[in-house]
Protein backbone atom coordinates (compact mmCIF):
# COMPACT_ATOMS: atom_id res chain seq x y z
CA MET A 1 17.29 -4.85 15.62
CA GLN A 2 17.30 -1.37 16.86
CA ALA A 3 15.82 1.73 15.09
CA ARG A 4 18.47 4.27 13.88
CA MET A 5 16.34 7.13 15.41
CA GLN A 6 13.11 8.01 16.83
CA HIS A 7 10.37 7.70 14.06
CA PRO A 8 10.55 10.82 11.93
CA ILE A 9 6.80 11.43 12.54
CA PHE A 10 7.48 11.95 16.21
CA VAL A 11 10.40 14.19 15.50
CA ILE A 12 8.24 16.39 13.25
CA PRO A 13 4.72 15.89 14.47
CA ASP A 14 3.15 17.90 11.81
CA ALA A 15 4.40 15.21 9.34
CA MET A 16 2.19 12.60 11.15
CA GLU A 17 -0.90 14.84 10.80
CA ALA A 18 -0.16 15.44 7.03
CA LEU A 19 0.27 11.71 6.33
CA LYS A 20 -2.85 10.82 8.20
CA ALA A 21 -4.80 13.40 6.31
CA LEU A 22 -3.53 12.08 3.05
CA SER A 23 -4.45 8.47 3.84
CA ALA A 24 -7.99 9.58 5.42
CA ALA A 25 -8.73 11.49 2.02
CA CYS A 26 -8.69 8.26 0.20
CA HIS A 27 -10.95 6.19 2.29
CA ASP A 28 -14.28 7.53 1.01
CA ALA A 29 -13.32 7.76 -2.67
CA GLY A 30 -14.78 4.58 -3.92
CA VAL A 31 -12.04 2.00 -3.24
CA PRO A 32 -12.95 -0.63 -0.66
CA ALA A 33 -10.88 -0.48 2.51
CA ARG A 34 -9.86 -4.07 2.11
CA THR A 35 -8.42 -3.45 -1.28
CA LEU A 36 -6.48 -0.37 -0.04
CA GLU A 37 -4.99 -2.76 2.63
CA LEU A 38 -4.06 -5.37 0.13
CA MET A 39 -2.28 -2.62 -1.90
CA ASN A 40 -0.56 -1.45 1.30
CA LEU A 41 0.66 -4.97 2.02
CA ARG A 42 1.94 -5.61 -1.54
CA ALA A 43 3.90 -2.24 -1.74
CA SER A 44 5.33 -2.90 1.64
CA GLN A 45 6.42 -6.43 0.63
CA ILE A 46 8.10 -5.01 -2.52
CA ASN A 47 9.80 -2.31 -0.47
CA GLY A 48 10.92 -4.71 2.38
CA CYS A 49 9.07 -2.68 5.06
CA GLY A 50 8.77 -5.07 7.94
CA VAL A 51 6.67 -2.49 10.04
CA CYS A 52 4.11 -2.43 7.34
CA VAL A 53 4.11 -5.98 6.38
CA VAL A 54 3.16 -6.73 9.93
CA GLN A 55 0.76 -3.84 10.37
CA HIS A 56 -1.44 -3.96 7.28
CA PRO A 57 -2.50 -7.49 7.54
CA ARG A 58 -3.62 -6.83 11.04
CA ILE A 59 -5.71 -3.95 9.86
CA ALA A 60 -7.04 -5.91 6.99
CA LYS A 61 -8.04 -8.72 9.31
CA LYS A 62 -10.08 -6.22 11.38
CA LEU A 63 -11.86 -5.35 8.07
CA GLY A 64 -12.74 -8.99 7.52
CA GLU A 65 -9.98 -9.96 5.27
CA THR A 66 -9.13 -13.82 5.12
CA ASP A 67 -5.80 -15.48 5.81
CA ASP A 68 -5.62 -17.05 2.46
CA ARG A 69 -5.87 -13.78 0.63
CA LEU A 70 -3.31 -12.08 2.86
CA PHE A 71 -1.00 -14.95 2.49
CA ALA A 72 -1.41 -14.99 -1.23
CA VAL A 73 -0.85 -11.20 -1.78
CA ALA A 74 2.76 -11.62 -2.93
CA ALA A 75 1.65 -14.09 -5.61
CA TRP A 76 -1.72 -12.55 -6.48
CA ARG A 77 -1.39 -13.20 -10.14
CA GLU A 78 -1.32 -16.98 -9.57
CA ALA A 79 -3.77 -16.97 -6.75
CA PRO A 80 -7.55 -17.51 -7.37
CA TYR A 81 -8.69 -15.21 -4.42
CA PHE A 82 -8.77 -11.86 -6.03
CA ASP A 83 -11.42 -10.26 -8.37
CA ASP A 84 -10.54 -8.24 -11.50
CA ALA A 85 -10.75 -4.94 -9.75
CA GLU A 86 -8.29 -5.94 -6.98
CA ARG A 87 -6.02 -7.42 -9.57
CA ALA A 88 -6.03 -4.06 -11.31
CA ALA A 89 -5.28 -2.25 -8.07
CA LEU A 90 -2.52 -4.67 -7.23
CA ALA A 91 -0.98 -4.29 -10.70
CA LEU A 92 -1.07 -0.61 -10.41
CA THR A 93 0.52 -0.73 -7.01
CA GLU A 94 3.35 -2.86 -8.26
CA ALA A 95 3.97 -0.63 -11.30
CA ALA A 96 3.93 2.62 -9.30
CA THR A 97 6.00 1.18 -6.51
CA ARG A 98 8.62 -0.25 -8.91
CA MET A 99 9.05 2.86 -10.97
CA SER A 100 12.76 2.46 -11.86
CA ASP A 101 12.29 -1.10 -12.97
CA ARG A 102 11.24 -0.27 -16.60
CA ALA A 103 11.40 2.65 -19.08
CA ASP A 104 7.63 2.95 -18.96
CA PRO A 105 6.93 2.56 -15.30
CA VAL A 106 3.08 2.50 -15.44
CA PRO A 107 2.28 1.18 -18.95
CA ASP A 108 -0.98 2.08 -20.57
CA ALA A 109 -2.37 -1.45 -20.28
CA ILE A 110 -2.07 -1.29 -16.47
CA TRP A 111 -3.67 2.02 -16.24
CA GLU A 112 -6.51 1.12 -18.64
CA GLU A 113 -7.31 -1.91 -16.64
CA ALA A 114 -7.53 0.04 -13.54
CA ALA A 115 -9.59 2.71 -15.22
CA ARG A 116 -11.99 -0.12 -16.39
CA HIS A 117 -12.78 -0.93 -12.71
CA TYR A 118 -12.38 2.45 -10.96
CA ASP A 119 -13.78 5.91 -11.78
CA GLU A 120 -11.58 9.10 -11.78
CA GLN A 121 -12.04 9.63 -8.00
CA ALA A 122 -11.24 6.18 -7.31
CA LEU A 123 -8.21 6.23 -9.51
CA ALA A 124 -7.07 9.27 -7.65
CA ALA A 125 -7.43 7.48 -4.40
CA LEU A 126 -5.53 4.41 -5.75
CA VAL A 127 -2.61 6.71 -6.83
CA ILE A 128 -2.56 8.73 -3.65
CA SER A 129 -2.74 5.54 -1.52
CA ILE A 130 0.20 4.06 -3.42
CA ALA A 131 2.18 7.18 -2.94
CA SER A 132 1.30 7.37 0.74
CA ILE A 133 2.34 3.73 1.58
CA ASN A 134 5.55 4.18 -0.35
CA VAL A 135 6.26 7.34 1.87
CA TRP A 136 5.62 5.22 4.98
CA ASN A 137 7.78 2.30 3.72
CA ARG A 138 10.65 4.75 2.96
CA LEU A 139 10.42 6.36 6.37
CA ASN A 140 10.36 2.97 8.08
CA VAL A 141 13.16 1.31 6.07
CA THR A 142 15.49 4.33 6.08
CA THR A 143 15.32 4.63 9.87
CA ARG A 144 15.22 0.88 10.46
CA GLN A 145 11.98 0.90 12.37
CA VAL A 146 11.35 -2.35 14.18
CA ALA A 147 8.33 -4.52 13.00
CA GLY A 148 5.88 -5.39 15.74
CA GLN A 149 6.71 -2.49 18.06
CA GLU A 150 3.61 -0.29 18.84
CA TRP A 151 4.22 3.34 18.65
């Protein structure tokens, strides 16, 4: 496999700084870093982004994440490894990533469950993080970036 072009963040370097800043803004907002990485992995699985499906488990492992939990992210509803707050974050991630799959993309029940576990600042971080990983997925998938290649 070969990329269609150089990664867009290198073609427009200010884009890299903007995306880094967006991600960094979420890291001190009350959502555990491991949860954010599980969310990144789940959105990337849904979007078929090989680059991120390889990269985010590596990051999560450095944060102390276990193989069992990483292997089970795609089936988080059926796996016993996730607590209620993580499940709420993963449900929100799936809903906000699969927006065209239903008439009410993010149903109240999903939002309310997330709000039960996260305050407004953390909810904002969840939403921004989901948007951010979806941007990365779209950049990588559209330009066919190759998984496992370090930039």
